[in-house]
PDB file of N, CA and C in Angstrom:
ATOM      1  N   MET A   1      57.932 -14.462 -87.077  1.00  0.00           N
ATOM      2  CA  MET A   1      57.774 -15.773 -87.643  1.00  0.00           C
ATOM      3  C   MET A   1      56.439 -16.332 -87.189  1.00  0.00           C
ATOM      4  N   ARG A   2      55.953 -17.313 -87.922  1.00  0.00           N
ATOM      5  CA  ARG A   2      54.653 -17.914 -87.600  1.00  0.00           C
ATOM      6  C   ARG A   2      54.798 -19.433 -87.597  1.00  0.00           C
ATOM      7  N   VAL A   3      54.002 -20.078 -86.747  1.00  0.00           N
ATOM      8  CA  VAL A   3      53.995 -21.544 -86.674  1.00  0.00           C
ATOM      9  C   VAL A   3      52.566 -22.057 -86.756  1.00  0.00           C
ATOM     10  N   ARG A   4      52.448 -23.281 -87.206  1.00  0.00           N
ATOM     11  CA  ARG A   4      51.166 -23.998 -87.182  1.00  0.00           C
ATOM     12  C   ARG A   4      51.253 -25.004 -86.042  1.00  0.00           C
ATOM     13  N   ILE A   5      50.205 -25.026 -85.234  1.00  0.00           N
ATOM     14  CA  ILE A   5      50.174 -25.900 -84.057  1.00  0.00           C
ATOM     15  C   ILE A   5      49.057 -26.912 -84.215  1.00  0.00           C
ATOM     16  N   ALA A   6      49.421 -28.189 -84.176  1.00  0.00           N
ATOM     17  CA  ALA A   6      48.471 -29.304 -84.196  1.00  0.00           C
ATOM     18  C   ALA A   6      47.330 -29.035 -85.171  1.00  0.00           C
ATOM     19  N   ASP A   7      46.101 -29.072 -84.657  1.00  0.00           N
ATOM     20  CA  ASP A   7      44.929 -28.879 -85.513  1.00  0.00           C
ATOM     21  C   ASP A   7      44.345 -27.473 -85.408  1.00  0.00           C
ATOM     22  N   TRP A   8      45.094 -26.527 -84.855  1.00  0.00           N
ATOM     23  CA  TRP A   8      44.621 -25.159 -84.767  1.00  0.00           C
ATOM     24  C   TRP A   8      44.492 -24.607 -86.189  1.00  0.00           C
ATOM     25  N   VAL A   9      43.420 -23.931 -86.485  1.00  0.00           N
ATOM     26  CA  VAL A   9      43.136 -23.480 -87.844  1.00  0.00           C
ATOM     27  C   VAL A   9      44.131 -22.424 -88.320  1.00  0.00           C
ATOM     28  N   ASN A  10      44.400 -21.424 -87.517  1.00  0.00           N
ATOM     29  CA  ASN A  10      45.237 -20.301 -87.947  1.00  0.00           C
ATOM     30  C   ASN A  10      46.666 -20.413 -87.420  1.00  0.00           C
ATOM     31  N   PRO A  11      47.648 -20.006 -88.237  1.00  0.00           N
ATOM     32  CA  PRO A  11      49.033 -19.957 -87.752  1.00  0.00           C
ATOM     33  C   PRO A  11      49.150 -18.955 -86.599  1.00  0.00           C
ATOM     34  N   ARG A  12      50.157 -19.141 -85.778  1.00  0.00           N
ATOM     35  CA  ARG A  12      50.377 -18.286 -84.604  1.00  0.00           C
ATOM     36  C   ARG A  12      51.709 -17.579 -84.697  1.00  0.00           C
ATOM     37  N   ALA A  13      51.741 -16.344 -84.230  1.00  0.00           N
ATOM     38  CA  ALA A  13      52.989 -15.565 -84.197  1.00  0.00           C
ATOM     39  C   ALA A  13      53.882 -16.081 -83.081  1.00  0.00           C
ATOM     40  N   VAL A  14      55.167 -16.052 -83.351  1.00  0.00           N
ATOM     41  CA  VAL A  14      56.198 -16.373 -82.362  1.00  0.00           C
ATOM     42  C   VAL A  14      57.231 -15.260 -82.467  1.00  0.00           C
ATOM     43  N   TYR A  15      57.637 -14.708 -81.317  1.00  0.00           N
ATOM     44  CA  TYR A  15      58.598 -13.618 -81.340  1.00  0.00           C
ATOM     45  C   TYR A  15      59.430 -13.629 -80.069  1.00  0.00           C
ATOM     46  N   GLU A  16      60.571 -12.965 -80.127  1.00  0.00           N
ATOM     47  CA  GLU A  16      61.458 -12.844 -78.975  1.00  0.00           C
ATOM     48  C   GLU A  16      61.288 -11.456 -78.371  1.00  0.00           C
ATOM     49  N   LYS A  17      61.244 -11.407 -77.047  1.00  0.00           N
ATOM     50  CA  LYS A  17      61.173 -10.130 -76.337  1.00  0.00           C
ATOM     51  C   LYS A  17      61.795 -10.317 -74.967  1.00  0.00           C
ATOM     52  N   ASN A  18      62.713  -9.433 -74.629  1.00  0.00           N
ATOM     53  CA  ASN A  18      63.373  -9.452 -73.319  1.00  0.00           C
ATOM     54  C   ASN A  18      63.947 -10.825 -72.975  1.00  0.00           C
ATOM     55  N   GLY A  19      64.540 -11.474 -73.966  1.00  0.00           N
ATOM     56  CA  GLY A  19      65.199 -12.756 -73.724  1.00  0.00           C
ATOM     57  C   GLY A  19      64.264 -13.937 -73.545  1.00  0.00           C
ATOM     58  N   ARG A  20      62.999 -13.776 -73.909  1.00  0.00           N
ATOM     59  CA  ARG A  20      62.017 -14.861 -73.815  1.00  0.00           C
ATOM     60  C   ARG A  20      61.410 -15.090 -75.192  1.00  0.00           C
ATOM     61  N   LEU A  21      60.896 -16.280 -75.400  1.00  0.00           N
ATOM     62  CA  LEU A  21      60.203 -16.618 -76.637  1.00  0.00           C
ATOM     63  C   LEU A  21      58.714 -16.570 -76.354  1.00  0.00           C
ATOM     64  N   PHE A  22      57.986 -15.789 -77.135  1.00  0.00           N
ATOM     65  CA  PHE A  22      56.547 -15.650 -76.927  1.00  0.00           C
ATOM     66  C   PHE A  22      55.781 -16.316 -78.054  1.00  0.00           C
ATOM     67  N   LEU A  23      54.728 -17.018 -77.673  1.00  0.00           N
ATOM     68  CA  LEU A  23      53.832 -17.696 -78.593  1.00  0.00           C
ATOM     69  C   LEU A  23      52.449 -17.081 -78.457  1.00  0.00           C
ATOM     70  N   GLN A  24      51.891 -16.614 -79.562  1.00  0.00           N
ATOM     71  CA  GLN A  24      50.531 -16.092 -79.563  1.00  0.00           C
ATOM     72  C   GLN A  24      49.577 -17.288 -79.497  1.00  0.00           C
ATOM     73  N   VAL A  25      48.836 -17.379 -78.416  1.00  0.00           N
ATOM     74  CA  VAL A  25      47.931 -18.508 -78.238  1.00  0.00           C
ATOM     75  C   VAL A  25      46.534 -18.166 -78.728  1.00  0.00           C
ATOM     76  N   SER A  26      46.092 -16.951 -78.500  1.00  0.00           N
ATOM     77  CA  SER A  26      44.773 -16.547 -78.995  1.00  0.00           C
ATOM     78  C   SER A  26      44.832 -15.101 -79.461  1.00  0.00           C
ATOM     79  N   ALA A  27      43.909 -14.769 -80.347  1.00  0.00           N
ATOM     80  CA  ALA A  27      43.831 -13.397 -80.852  1.00  0.00           C
ATOM     81  C   ALA A  27      42.399 -13.107 -81.255  1.00  0.00           C
ATOM     82  N   GLY A  28      41.886 -11.985 -80.801  1.00  0.00           N
ATOM     83  CA  GLY A  28      40.577 -11.537 -81.251  1.00  0.00           C
ATOM     84  C   GLY A  28      39.446 -11.741 -80.274  1.00  0.00           C
ATOM     85  N   HIS A  29      39.460 -12.824 -79.538  1.00  0.00           N
ATOM     86  CA  HIS A  29      38.318 -13.100 -78.648  1.00  0.00           C
ATOM     87  C   HIS A  29      38.736 -14.125 -77.591  1.00  0.00           C
ATOM     88  N   ILE A  30      39.528 -13.715 -76.627  1.00  0.00           N
ATOM     89  CA  ILE A  30      40.115 -14.666 -75.687  1.00  0.00           C
ATOM     90  C   ILE A  30      39.101 -15.284 -74.735  1.00  0.00           C
ATOM     91  N   ASP A  31      37.883 -14.786 -74.716  1.00  0.00           N
ATOM     92  CA  ASP A  31      36.898 -15.327 -73.787  1.00  0.00           C
ATOM     93  C   ASP A  31      36.060 -16.454 -74.388  1.00  0.00           C
ATOM     94  N   CYS A  32      36.317 -16.835 -75.648  1.00  0.00           N
ATOM     95  CA  CYS A  32      35.558 -17.948 -76.214  1.00  0.00           C
ATOM     96  C   CYS A  32      36.097 -19.263 -75.653  1.00  0.00           C
ATOM     97  N   SER A  33      35.308 -20.289 -75.702  1.00  0.00           N
ATOM     98  CA  SER A  33      35.688 -21.569 -75.087  1.00  0.00           C
ATOM     99  C   SER A  33      36.904 -22.192 -75.765  1.00  0.00           C
ATOM    100  N   ILE A  34      37.026 -22.048 -77.076  1.00  0.00           N
ATOM    101  CA  ILE A  34      38.185 -22.617 -77.779  1.00  0.00           C
ATOM    102  C   ILE A  34      39.458 -21.916 -77.335  1.00  0.00           C
ATOM    103  N   CYS A  35      39.438 -20.595 -77.305  1.00  0.00           N
ATOM    104  CA  CYS A  35      40.627 -19.844 -76.887  1.00  0.00           C
ATOM    105  C   CYS A  35      40.984 -20.146 -75.434  1.00  0.00           C
ATOM    106  N   ARG A  36      39.996 -20.174 -74.581  1.00  0.00           N
ATOM    107  CA  ARG A  36      40.260 -20.496 -73.169  1.00  0.00           C
ATOM    108  C   ARG A  36      40.888 -21.871 -73.036  1.00  0.00           C
ATOM    109  N   SER A  37      40.401 -22.849 -73.799  1.00  0.00           N
ATOM    110  CA  SER A  37      40.960 -24.202 -73.695  1.00  0.00           C
ATOM    111  C   SER A  37      42.392 -24.248 -74.227  1.00  0.00           C
ATOM    112  N   ARG A  38      42.688 -23.467 -75.255  1.00  0.00           N
ATOM    113  CA  ARG A  38      44.055 -23.431 -75.784  1.00  0.00           C
ATOM    114  C   ARG A  38      45.009 -22.763 -74.805  1.00  0.00           C
ATOM    115  N   ILE A  39      44.568 -21.680 -74.198  1.00  0.00           N
ATOM    116  CA  ILE A  39      45.388 -21.003 -73.190  1.00  0.00           C
ATOM    117  C   ILE A  39      45.671 -21.960 -72.036  1.00  0.00           C
ATOM    118  N   GLU A  40      44.654 -22.633 -71.559  1.00  0.00           N
ATOM    119  CA  GLU A  40      44.820 -23.584 -70.455  1.00  0.00           C
ATOM    120  C   GLU A  40      45.729 -24.738 -70.871  1.00  0.00           C
ATOM    121  N   PHE A  41      45.546 -25.268 -72.080  1.00  0.00           N
ATOM    122  CA  PHE A  41      46.379 -26.368 -72.561  1.00  0.00           C
ATOM    123  C   PHE A  41      47.853 -25.983 -72.560  1.00  0.00           C
ATOM    124  N   VAL A  42      48.179 -24.837 -73.184  1.00  0.00           N
ATOM    125  CA  VAL A  42      49.574 -24.427 -73.292  1.00  0.00           C
ATOM    126  C   VAL A  42      50.162 -24.151 -71.916  1.00  0.00           C
ATOM    127  N   SER A  43      49.466 -23.368 -71.110  1.00  0.00           N
ATOM    128  CA  SER A  43      49.978 -23.016 -69.784  1.00  0.00           C
ATOM    129  C   SER A  43      50.141 -24.253 -68.895  1.00  0.00           C
ATOM    130  N   CYS A  44      49.138 -25.111 -68.866  1.00  0.00           N
ATOM    131  CA  CYS A  44      49.205 -26.311 -68.013  1.00  0.00           C
ATOM    132  C   CYS A  44      50.264 -27.298 -68.492  1.00  0.00           C
ATOM    133  N   THR A  45      50.384 -27.455 -69.809  1.00  0.00           N
ATOM    134  CA  THR A  45      51.397 -28.365 -70.351  1.00  0.00           C
ATOM    135  C   THR A  45      52.786 -27.884 -69.978  1.00  0.00           C
ATOM    136  N   LEU A  46      53.047 -26.602 -70.159  1.00  0.00           N
ATOM    137  CA  LEU A  46      54.354 -26.058 -69.805  1.00  0.00           C
ATOM    138  C   LEU A  46      54.605 -26.181 -68.308  1.00  0.00           C
ATOM    139  N   HIS A  47      53.604 -25.880 -67.501  1.00  0.00           N
ATOM    140  CA  HIS A  47      53.737 -25.981 -66.051  1.00  0.00           C
ATOM    141  C   HIS A  47      54.043 -27.426 -65.638  1.00  0.00           C
ATOM    142  N   ARG A  48      53.313 -28.364 -66.213  1.00  0.00           N
ATOM    143  CA  ARG A  48      53.506 -29.781 -65.889  1.00  0.00           C
ATOM    144  C   ARG A  48      54.914 -30.259 -66.236  1.00  0.00           C
ATOM    145  N   LYS A  49      55.486 -29.691 -67.289  1.00  0.00           N
ATOM    146  CA  LYS A  49      56.833 -30.058 -67.707  1.00  0.00           C
ATOM    147  C   LYS A  49      57.903 -29.241 -66.988  1.00  0.00           C
ATOM    148  N   GLY A  50      57.479 -28.369 -66.083  1.00  0.00           N
ATOM    149  CA  GLY A  50      58.431 -27.565 -65.320  1.00  0.00           C
ATOM    150  C   GLY A  50      59.047 -26.431 -66.118  1.00  0.00           C
ATOM    151  N   ILE A  51      58.362 -26.003 -67.187  1.00  0.00           N
ATOM    152  CA  ILE A  51      58.857 -24.902 -68.013  1.00  0.00           C
ATOM    153  C   ILE A  51      58.203 -23.617 -67.534  1.00  0.00           C
ATOM    154  N   ASN A  52      59.021 -22.721 -67.015  1.00  0.00           N
ATOM    155  CA  ASN A  52      58.528 -21.445 -66.505  1.00  0.00           C
ATOM    156  C   ASN A  52      57.891 -20.664 -67.646  1.00  0.00           C
ATOM    157  N   ASN A  53      56.642 -20.223 -67.462  1.00  0.00           N
ATOM    158  CA  ASN A  53      55.968 -19.471 -68.526  1.00  0.00           C
ATOM    159  C   ASN A  53      55.195 -18.300 -67.960  1.00  0.00           C
ATOM    160  N   ASP A  54      55.055 -17.288 -68.793  1.00  0.00           N
ATOM    161  CA  ASP A  54      54.339 -16.064 -68.437  1.00  0.00           C
ATOM    162  C   ASP A  54      53.160 -15.900 -69.380  1.00  0.00           C
ATOM    163  N   VAL A  55      51.986 -15.692 -68.833  1.00  0.00           N
ATOM    164  CA  VAL A  55      50.805 -15.432 -69.652  1.00  0.00           C
ATOM    165  C   VAL A  55      50.619 -13.920 -69.717  1.00  0.00           C
ATOM    166  N   ILE A  56      50.628 -13.378 -70.932  1.00  0.00           N
ATOM    167  CA  ILE A  56      50.504 -11.947 -71.142  1.00  0.00           C
ATOM    168  C   ILE A  56      49.193 -11.686 -71.871  1.00  0.00           C
ATOM    169  N   VAL A  57      48.344 -10.848 -71.287  1.00  0.00           N
ATOM    170  CA  VAL A  57      47.062 -10.479 -71.897  1.00  0.00           C
ATOM    171  C   VAL A  57      47.133  -8.992 -72.218  1.00  0.00           C
ATOM    172  N   ASN A  58      46.808  -8.618 -73.465  1.00  0.00           N
ATOM    173  CA  ASN A  58      46.853  -7.190 -73.793  1.00  0.00           C
ATOM    174  C   ASN A  58      45.688  -6.455 -73.121  1.00  0.00           C
ATOM    175  N   ASP A  59      45.753  -5.134 -73.130  1.00  0.00           N
ATOM    176  CA  ASP A  59      44.773  -4.308 -72.410  1.00  0.00           C
ATOM    177  C   ASP A  59      43.338  -4.522 -72.857  1.00  0.00           C
ATOM    178  N   SER A  60      43.134  -4.822 -74.119  1.00  0.00           N
ATOM    179  CA  SER A  60      41.763  -5.003 -74.607  1.00  0.00           C
ATOM    180  C   SER A  60      41.283  -6.451 -74.499  1.00  0.00           C
ATOM    181  N   ARG A  61      42.092  -7.311 -73.879  1.00  0.00           N
ATOM    182  CA  ARG A  61      41.763  -8.726 -73.676  1.00  0.00           C
ATOM    183  C   ARG A  61      41.441  -9.436 -74.995  1.00  0.00           C
ATOM    184  N   THR A  62      42.169  -9.054 -76.046  1.00  0.00           N
ATOM    185  CA  THR A  62      41.954  -9.709 -77.327  1.00  0.00           C
ATOM    186  C   THR A  62      43.101 -10.631 -77.724  1.00  0.00           C
ATOM    187  N   VAL A  63      44.253 -10.490 -77.084  1.00  0.00           N
ATOM    188  CA  VAL A  63      45.409 -11.307 -77.433  1.00  0.00           C
ATOM    189  C   VAL A  63      46.034 -11.881 -76.169  1.00  0.00           C
ATOM    190  N   VAL A  64      46.342 -13.171 -76.208  1.00  0.00           N
ATOM    191  CA  VAL A  64      47.095 -13.806 -75.130  1.00  0.00           C
ATOM    192  C   VAL A  64      48.359 -14.397 -75.734  1.00  0.00           C
ATOM    193  N   ASP A  65      49.504 -13.982 -75.209  1.00  0.00           N
ATOM    194  CA  ASP A  65      50.794 -14.541 -75.590  1.00  0.00           C
ATOM    195  C   ASP A  65      51.359 -15.235 -74.356  1.00  0.00           C
ATOM    196  N   ILE A  66      52.005 -16.355 -74.582  1.00  0.00           N
ATOM    197  CA  ILE A  66      52.638 -17.073 -73.480  1.00  0.00           C
ATOM    198  C   ILE A  66      54.133 -17.105 -73.750  1.00  0.00           C
ATOM    199  N   GLY A  67      54.894 -16.614 -72.774  1.00  0.00           N
ATOM    200  CA  GLY A  67      56.346 -16.543 -72.894  1.00  0.00           C
ATOM    201  C   GLY A  67      57.005 -17.698 -72.187  1.00  0.00           C
ATOM    202  N   LEU A  68      58.054 -18.213 -72.797  1.00  0.00           N
ATOM    203  CA  LEU A  68      58.819 -19.297 -72.203  1.00  0.00           C
ATOM    204  C   LEU A  68      60.292 -19.050 -72.488  1.00  0.00           C
ATOM    205  N   PRO A  69      61.178 -19.796 -71.841  1.00  0.00           N
ATOM    206  CA  PRO A  69      62.607 -19.577 -72.085  1.00  0.00           C
ATOM    207  C   PRO A  69      62.945 -19.781 -73.563  1.00  0.00           C
ATOM    208  N   MET A  70      63.996 -19.109 -74.001  1.00  0.00           N
ATOM    209  CA  MET A  70      64.452 -19.263 -75.386  1.00  0.00           C
ATOM    210  C   MET A  70      64.982 -20.686 -75.587  1.00  0.00           C
ATOM    211  N   PRO A  71      64.877 -21.207 -76.813  1.00  0.00           N
ATOM    212  CA  PRO A  71      65.461 -22.522 -77.088  1.00  0.00           C
ATOM    213  C   PRO A  71      66.976 -22.478 -76.936  1.00  0.00           C
ATOM    214  N   LYS A  72      67.553 -23.634 -76.691  1.00  0.00           N
ATOM    215  CA  LYS A  72      69.009 -23.716 -76.599  1.00  0.00           C
ATOM    216  C   LYS A  72      69.609 -23.383 -77.955  1.00  0.00           C
ATOM    217  N   ASN A  73      70.848 -22.918 -77.951  1.00  0.00           N
ATOM    218  CA  ASN A  73      71.531 -22.546 -79.189  1.00  0.00           C
ATOM    219  C   ASN A  73      71.425 -23.648 -80.228  1.00  0.00           C
ATOM    220  N   GLY A  74      71.021 -23.256 -81.424  1.00  0.00           N
ATOM    221  CA  GLY A  74      70.954 -24.196 -82.521  1.00  0.00           C
ATOM    222  C   GLY A  74      69.655 -24.964 -82.634  1.00  0.00           C
ATOM    223  N   GLN A  75      68.802 -24.926 -81.608  1.00  0.00           N
ATOM    224  CA  GLN A  75      67.538 -25.656 -81.674  1.00  0.00           C
ATOM    225  C   GLN A  75      66.506 -24.828 -82.434  1.00  0.00           C
ATOM    226  N   ALA A  76      65.881 -25.445 -83.414  1.00  0.00           N
ATOM    227  CA  ALA A  76      64.867 -24.754 -84.214  1.00  0.00           C
ATOM    228  C   ALA A  76      63.655 -24.442 -83.344  1.00  0.00           C
ATOM    229  N   VAL A  77      63.049 -23.293 -83.589  1.00  0.00           N
ATOM    230  CA  VAL A  77      61.900 -22.851 -82.795  1.00  0.00           C
ATOM    231  C   VAL A  77      60.752 -23.853 -82.881  1.00  0.00           C
ATOM    232  N   ASP A  78      60.442 -24.335 -84.083  1.00  0.00           N
ATOM    233  CA  ASP A  78      59.327 -25.274 -84.207  1.00  0.00           C
ATOM    234  C   ASP A  78      59.597 -26.578 -83.462  1.00  0.00           C
ATOM    235  N   ALA A  79      60.828 -27.079 -83.528  1.00  0.00           N
ATOM    236  CA  ALA A  79      61.177 -28.304 -82.795  1.00  0.00           C
ATOM    237  C   ALA A  79      61.099 -28.075 -81.291  1.00  0.00           C
ATOM    238  N   TYR A  80      61.551 -26.917 -80.842  1.00  0.00           N
ATOM    239  CA  TYR A  80      61.510 -26.574 -79.422  1.00  0.00           C
ATOM    240  C   TYR A  80      60.066 -26.518 -78.915  1.00  0.00           C
ATOM    241  N   LEU A  81      59.196 -25.824 -79.656  1.00  0.00           N
ATOM    242  CA  LEU A  81      57.799 -25.718 -79.236  1.00  0.00           C
ATOM    243  C   LEU A  81      57.103 -27.080 -79.297  1.00  0.00           C
ATOM    244  N   GLN A  82      57.435 -27.877 -80.295  1.00  0.00           N
ATOM    245  CA  GLN A  82      56.841 -29.209 -80.403  1.00  0.00           C
ATOM    246  C   GLN A  82      57.215 -30.059 -79.189  1.00  0.00           C
ATOM    247  N   GLU A  83      58.474 -29.999 -78.793  1.00  0.00           N
ATOM    248  CA  GLU A  83      58.921 -30.734 -77.613  1.00  0.00           C
ATOM    249  C   GLU A  83      58.248 -30.200 -76.343  1.00  0.00           C
ATOM    250  N   ALA A  84      58.165 -28.883 -76.230  1.00  0.00           N
ATOM    251  CA  ALA A  84      57.572 -28.273 -75.032  1.00  0.00           C
ATOM    252  C   ALA A  84      56.083 -28.557 -74.908  1.00  0.00           C
ATOM    253  N   LEU A  85      55.362 -28.539 -76.030  1.00  0.00           N
ATOM    254  CA  LEU A  85      53.902 -28.689 -75.994  1.00  0.00           C
ATOM    255  C   LEU A  85      53.434 -30.120 -76.199  1.00  0.00           C
ATOM    256  N   GLY A  86      54.296 -30.958 -76.769  1.00  0.00           N
ATOM    257  CA  GLY A  86      53.906 -32.345 -76.985  1.00  0.00           C
ATOM    258  C   GLY A  86      52.911 -32.543 -78.110  1.00  0.00           C
ATOM    259  N   VAL A  87      52.824 -31.581 -79.015  1.00  0.00           N
ATOM    260  CA  VAL A  87      51.955 -31.676 -80.200  1.00  0.00           C
ATOM    261  C   VAL A  87      52.749 -31.220 -81.412  1.00  0.00           C
ATOM    262  N   ARG A  88      52.261 -31.536 -82.594  1.00  0.00           N
ATOM    263  CA  ARG A  88      52.933 -31.166 -83.836  1.00  0.00           C
ATOM    264  C   ARG A  88      52.985 -29.643 -83.975  1.00  0.00           C
ATOM    265  N   VAL A  89      54.175 -29.126 -84.261  1.00  0.00           N
ATOM    266  CA  VAL A  89      54.387 -27.703 -84.521  1.00  0.00           C
ATOM    267  C   VAL A  89      55.275 -27.589 -85.759  1.00  0.00           C
ATOM    268  N   GLU A  90      54.844 -26.788 -86.730  1.00  0.00           N
ATOM    269  CA  GLU A  90      55.587 -26.590 -87.964  1.00  0.00           C
ATOM    270  C   GLU A  90      55.689 -25.109 -88.271  1.00  0.00           C
ATOM    271  N   MET A  91      56.750 -24.738 -88.955  1.00  0.00           N
ATOM    272  CA  MET A  91      56.869 -23.360 -89.428  1.00  0.00           C
ATOM    273  C   MET A  91      55.766 -23.117 -90.454  1.00  0.00           C
ATOM    274  N   ALA A  92      55.152 -21.962 -90.396  1.00  0.00           N
ATOM    275  CA  ALA A  92      54.062 -21.635 -91.335  1.00  0.00           C
ATOM    276  C   ALA A  92      54.598 -20.942 -92.561  1.00  0.00           C
TER     277      ALA A  92
END
């Protein structure tokens, strides 16, 4: 599934793995200033809210996914991410 986050230009992948929900924060060039700021925003926001998260970087350093606990039963993924991040999130 894919979501649109706030004013981010491209939709982001969201997937479940090992009982966690993963959000693709950057893809293609994680060392650019925009990607770095998005990674920091998501990780710091989740940390500040006390939401345990894992930052996963692939071997080629082109993709960063951030994992967080799965939403509670019945809670829509977009609503859950919107609440967790404090910004508009919609299904793409």
